[in-house]
């Protein structure tokens, strides 16, 4: 298990899901299907009880403001600095990125993965699309759903690109941090959640057949 989280939380592993906005319930369903305990994170107290965190999609500027008003931003920033594993999807990717190229002046990000992203880089809602992608570590393609998705413009040398679409990174990892520009929680395929958990030393016990192929 990741050393940074062992110093922060004791007890059986609990995976938190940031529940301020977005499809957090779908992420919870995916994680529970892998046999792990979950907790919705809305307050600093919630955060103090989890060993890792999933940050769902939504609207990144709104989520940034909600992190401030809920007094979660600073505690989460410290946990991430201490090495807590985190999986950010869509807006979650934007919030974890080192640079947001077209972010609002009052929008903050955590800067824990060395990527530059452009909000809605794939276009508006009408430009949403689905496609199969090849993911490092998976034996079968993953069906990815892109909805007002951010686009990765550049990646640092420490970033491992796990999947691309048309030559652009759409799934990446740096240490305990993993990000996706699409919505893996929308499909019944929980393999990316499982990939995140296993990379960070969490045991999974899938309760369905959704972990191999869509």
Protein backbone atom coordinates (compact mmCIF):
# COMPACT_ATOMS: atom_id res chain seq x y z
CA UNK A 1 0.00 0.00 0.00
CA UNK A 2 1.16 3.54 -0.75
CA UNK A 3 3.38 4.79 2.09
CA UNK A 4 1.90 8.28 2.11
CA UNK A 5 -1.55 7.13 3.13
CA UNK A 6 -0.44 4.69 5.82
CA UNK A 7 0.82 7.61 7.89
CA UNK A 8 -2.49 9.47 7.62
CA UNK A 9 -5.23 6.87 8.22
CA UNK A 10 -5.41 3.58 10.10
CA UNK A 11 -7.90 0.74 9.87
CA UNK A 12 -9.36 -1.21 6.93
CA UNK A 13 -8.94 0.60 3.59
CA UNK A 14 -11.75 2.99 2.69
CA UNK A 15 -11.86 4.63 -0.73
CA UNK A 16 -13.37 8.09 -0.68
CA UNK A 17 -15.43 9.59 -3.48
CA UNK A 18 -15.59 13.38 -3.61
CA UNK A 19 -19.33 14.04 -3.41
CA UNK A 20 -19.66 17.77 -4.03
CA UNK A 21 -20.87 17.48 -7.63
CA UNK A 22 -20.93 15.04 -10.53
CA UNK A 23 -21.58 11.30 -10.90
CA UNK A 24 -20.09 10.29 -7.57
CA UNK A 25 -22.69 7.55 -7.00
CA UNK A 26 -21.62 5.77 -10.19
CA UNK A 27 -18.01 5.79 -9.00
CA UNK A 28 -19.14 4.34 -5.67
CA UNK A 29 -20.98 1.56 -7.48
CA UNK A 30 -17.86 0.70 -9.49
CA UNK A 31 -15.69 0.59 -6.37
CA UNK A 32 -18.16 -1.47 -4.36
CA UNK A 33 -18.37 -3.89 -7.26
CA UNK A 34 -14.64 -4.45 -6.74
CA UNK A 35 -15.20 -5.38 -3.11
CA UNK A 36 -13.86 -2.23 -1.45
CA UNK A 37 -15.48 -0.02 1.17
CA UNK A 38 -16.33 3.54 0.16
CA UNK A 39 -17.21 6.82 1.83
CA UNK A 40 -18.63 9.99 0.31
CA UNK A 41 -16.34 12.93 1.03
CA UNK A 42 -17.99 16.30 1.65
CA UNK A 43 -16.11 17.59 4.70
CA UNK A 44 -12.58 17.54 6.13
CA UNK A 45 -13.79 14.93 8.64
CA UNK A 46 -14.87 12.64 5.80
CA UNK A 47 -11.49 13.09 4.15
CA UNK A 48 -9.68 12.16 7.35
CA UNK A 49 -11.26 8.69 7.25
CA UNK A 50 -10.28 7.63 3.72
CA UNK A 51 -7.13 6.02 2.33
CA UNK A 52 -7.55 7.13 -1.28
CA UNK A 53 -9.88 9.38 -3.24
CA UNK A 54 -11.79 9.40 -6.52
CA UNK A 55 -12.59 12.86 -7.93
CA UNK A 56 -15.50 12.64 -10.41
CA UNK A 57 -16.52 14.70 -13.39
CA UNK A 58 -18.69 17.79 -13.13
CA UNK A 59 -17.90 21.44 -13.75
CA UNK A 60 -14.33 22.16 -12.70
CA UNK A 61 -14.76 25.84 -11.79
CA UNK A 62 -17.83 25.04 -9.67
CA UNK A 63 -16.01 22.14 -8.00
CA UNK A 64 -13.07 24.41 -7.24
CA UNK A 65 -15.40 26.88 -5.51
CA UNK A 66 -17.19 24.10 -3.62
CA UNK A 67 -13.85 22.77 -2.38
CA UNK A 68 -13.22 26.21 -0.90
CA UNK A 69 -16.66 26.74 0.64
CA UNK A 70 -16.63 23.25 2.18
CA UNK A 71 -13.15 23.96 3.59
CA UNK A 72 -11.83 20.88 1.82
CA UNK A 73 -9.23 22.44 -0.45
CA UNK A 74 -6.39 22.85 2.05
CA UNK A 75 -6.84 19.49 3.84
CA UNK A 76 -7.04 17.73 0.48
CA UNK A 77 -4.00 19.58 -0.77
CA UNK A 78 -2.06 18.36 2.27
CA UNK A 79 -3.22 14.76 1.88
CA UNK A 80 -2.17 14.78 -1.77
CA UNK A 81 1.21 16.25 -0.83
CA UNK A 82 1.58 13.40 1.67
CA UNK A 83 1.07 10.87 -1.13
CA UNK A 84 -2.59 9.89 -0.88
CA UNK A 85 -3.62 8.05 -4.08
CA UNK A 86 -6.19 9.88 -6.19
CA UNK A 87 -8.07 9.10 -9.42
CA UNK A 88 -9.50 12.13 -11.20
CA UNK A 89 -11.92 11.84 -14.12
CA UNK A 90 -12.88 14.67 -16.48
CA UNK A 91 -13.24 17.67 -14.12
CA UNK A 92 -11.23 15.69 -11.58
CA UNK A 93 -8.37 15.60 -14.09
CA UNK A 94 -8.53 19.38 -14.46
CA UNK A 95 -8.41 19.90 -10.69
CA UNK A 96 -5.34 17.66 -10.36
CA UNK A 97 -3.39 19.11 -13.30
CA UNK A 98 -0.29 21.24 -12.96
CA UNK A 99 -1.63 23.81 -15.44
CA UNK A 100 -5.14 24.64 -16.68
CA UNK A 101 -4.59 26.56 -19.88
CA UNK A 102 -7.99 28.25 -20.07
CA UNK A 103 -9.08 28.23 -16.44
CA UNK A 104 -10.78 31.15 -14.74
CA UNK A 105 -8.66 33.51 -12.67
CA UNK A 106 -10.30 32.31 -9.44
CA UNK A 107 -10.00 28.61 -10.29
CA UNK A 108 -7.47 26.60 -8.29
CA UNK A 109 -5.95 23.22 -9.02
CA UNK A 110 -3.79 20.88 -6.97
CA UNK A 111 -0.91 20.47 -9.42
CA UNK A 112 -0.10 16.87 -8.49
CA UNK A 113 0.31 15.51 -12.03
CA UNK A 114 2.58 17.23 -14.54
CA UNK A 115 0.14 17.84 -17.37
CA UNK A 116 -1.24 20.90 -19.11
CA UNK A 117 -4.96 20.59 -19.86
CA UNK A 118 -7.51 22.64 -21.76
CA UNK A 119 -11.04 22.70 -20.34
CA UNK A 120 -13.65 21.39 -22.80
CA UNK A 121 -10.77 20.80 -25.20
CA UNK A 122 -12.89 18.29 -27.13
CA UNK A 123 -15.75 20.75 -27.54
CA UNK A 124 -19.18 21.33 -26.05
CA UNK A 125 -21.88 18.84 -25.02
CA UNK A 126 -22.93 18.37 -28.64
CA UNK A 127 -19.38 17.21 -29.46
CA UNK A 128 -19.47 14.33 -26.96
CA UNK A 129 -18.44 10.95 -28.35
CA UNK A 130 -17.62 7.34 -27.47
CA UNK A 131 -14.69 5.22 -28.64
CA UNK A 132 -12.69 2.13 -27.73
CA UNK A 133 -9.18 2.79 -26.44
CA UNK A 134 -6.22 0.55 -25.75
CA UNK A 135 -5.01 0.82 -22.15
CA UNK A 136 -1.60 -0.23 -20.89
CA UNK A 137 -2.10 -3.14 -18.51
CA UNK A 138 -5.49 -4.23 -19.87
CA UNK A 139 -5.88 -7.15 -22.28
CA UNK A 140 -9.05 -5.89 -24.00
CA UNK A 141 -10.04 -2.38 -25.21
CA UNK A 142 -11.90 -0.04 -22.86
CA UNK A 143 -15.02 1.76 -24.09
CA UNK A 144 -14.48 5.43 -23.22
CA UNK A 145 -17.23 8.07 -23.06
CA UNK A 146 -16.10 11.68 -23.61
CA UNK A 147 -18.51 14.41 -22.44
CA UNK A 148 -17.26 18.01 -22.62
CA UNK A 149 -13.89 16.44 -22.02
CA UNK A 150 -10.64 18.22 -21.18
CA UNK A 151 -7.75 17.73 -23.60
CA UNK A 152 -4.19 17.09 -22.46
CA UNK A 153 -1.85 19.45 -24.32
CA UNK A 154 1.49 18.41 -22.79
CA UNK A 155 2.83 15.85 -20.32
CA UNK A 156 5.94 15.97 -18.17
CA UNK A 157 8.70 13.38 -18.28
CA UNK A 158 7.49 11.73 -15.06
CA UNK A 159 4.00 11.12 -16.46
CA UNK A 160 3.15 7.66 -17.77
CA UNK A 161 0.65 7.78 -20.63
CA UNK A 162 -1.65 4.76 -20.29
CA UNK A 163 -3.97 5.43 -23.24
CA UNK A 164 -4.33 7.84 -26.16
CA UNK A 165 -7.00 8.84 -28.65
CA UNK A 166 -5.84 10.22 -32.01
CA UNK A 167 -2.37 10.61 -30.51
CA UNK A 168 -3.56 12.66 -27.51
CA UNK A 169 -3.17 11.27 -23.96
CA UNK A 170 -6.56 10.49 -22.39
CA UNK A 171 -5.42 8.33 -19.45
CA UNK A 172 -2.25 9.08 -17.52
CA UNK A 173 -0.50 8.34 -14.25
CA UNK A 174 2.24 9.85 -12.11
CA UNK A 175 3.04 7.94 -8.95
CA UNK A 176 -0.17 7.48 -6.94
CA UNK A 177 -2.10 9.92 -9.17
CA UNK A 178 -4.19 8.71 -12.13
CA UNK A 179 -6.34 10.87 -14.39
CA UNK A 180 -8.76 10.27 -17.27
CA UNK A 181 -10.26 12.84 -19.61
CA UNK A 182 -13.36 10.66 -20.06
CA UNK A 183 -16.02 9.11 -17.78
CA UNK A 184 -15.17 5.47 -16.90
CA UNK A 185 -17.97 5.34 -14.33
CA UNK A 186 -20.65 5.59 -17.05
CA UNK A 187 -19.94 2.09 -18.37
CA UNK A 188 -20.31 -1.18 -16.41
CA UNK A 189 -16.59 -1.84 -16.94
CA UNK A 190 -14.73 -1.24 -13.66
CA UNK A 191 -11.26 -2.17 -14.91
CA UNK A 192 -9.85 1.36 -14.66
CA UNK A 193 -10.97 1.68 -11.05
CA UNK A 194 -9.37 -1.71 -10.45
CA UNK A 195 -6.18 -0.59 -12.21
CA UNK A 196 -6.00 2.46 -9.93
CA UNK A 197 -6.59 0.43 -6.79
CA UNK A 198 -4.14 -2.36 -7.59
CA UNK A 199 -1.41 0.07 -8.64
CA UNK A 200 -1.64 1.62 -5.18
CA UNK A 201 -1.61 -1.69 -3.31
CA UNK A 202 -5.32 -2.11 -2.57
CA UNK A 203 -6.76 -5.60 -2.87
CA UNK A 204 -9.87 -6.06 -4.98
CA UNK A 205 -12.43 -8.85 -5.04
CA UNK A 206 -14.69 -8.25 -8.04
CA UNK A 207 -18.32 -9.09 -7.39
CA UNK A 208 -19.27 -9.22 -11.08
CA UNK A 209 -17.81 -9.99 -14.49
CA UNK A 210 -17.48 -6.31 -15.41
CA UNK A 211 -13.72 -6.26 -14.85
CA UNK A 212 -12.81 -7.83 -18.18
CA UNK A 213 -14.27 -6.24 -21.23
CA UNK A 214 -17.31 -4.02 -21.70
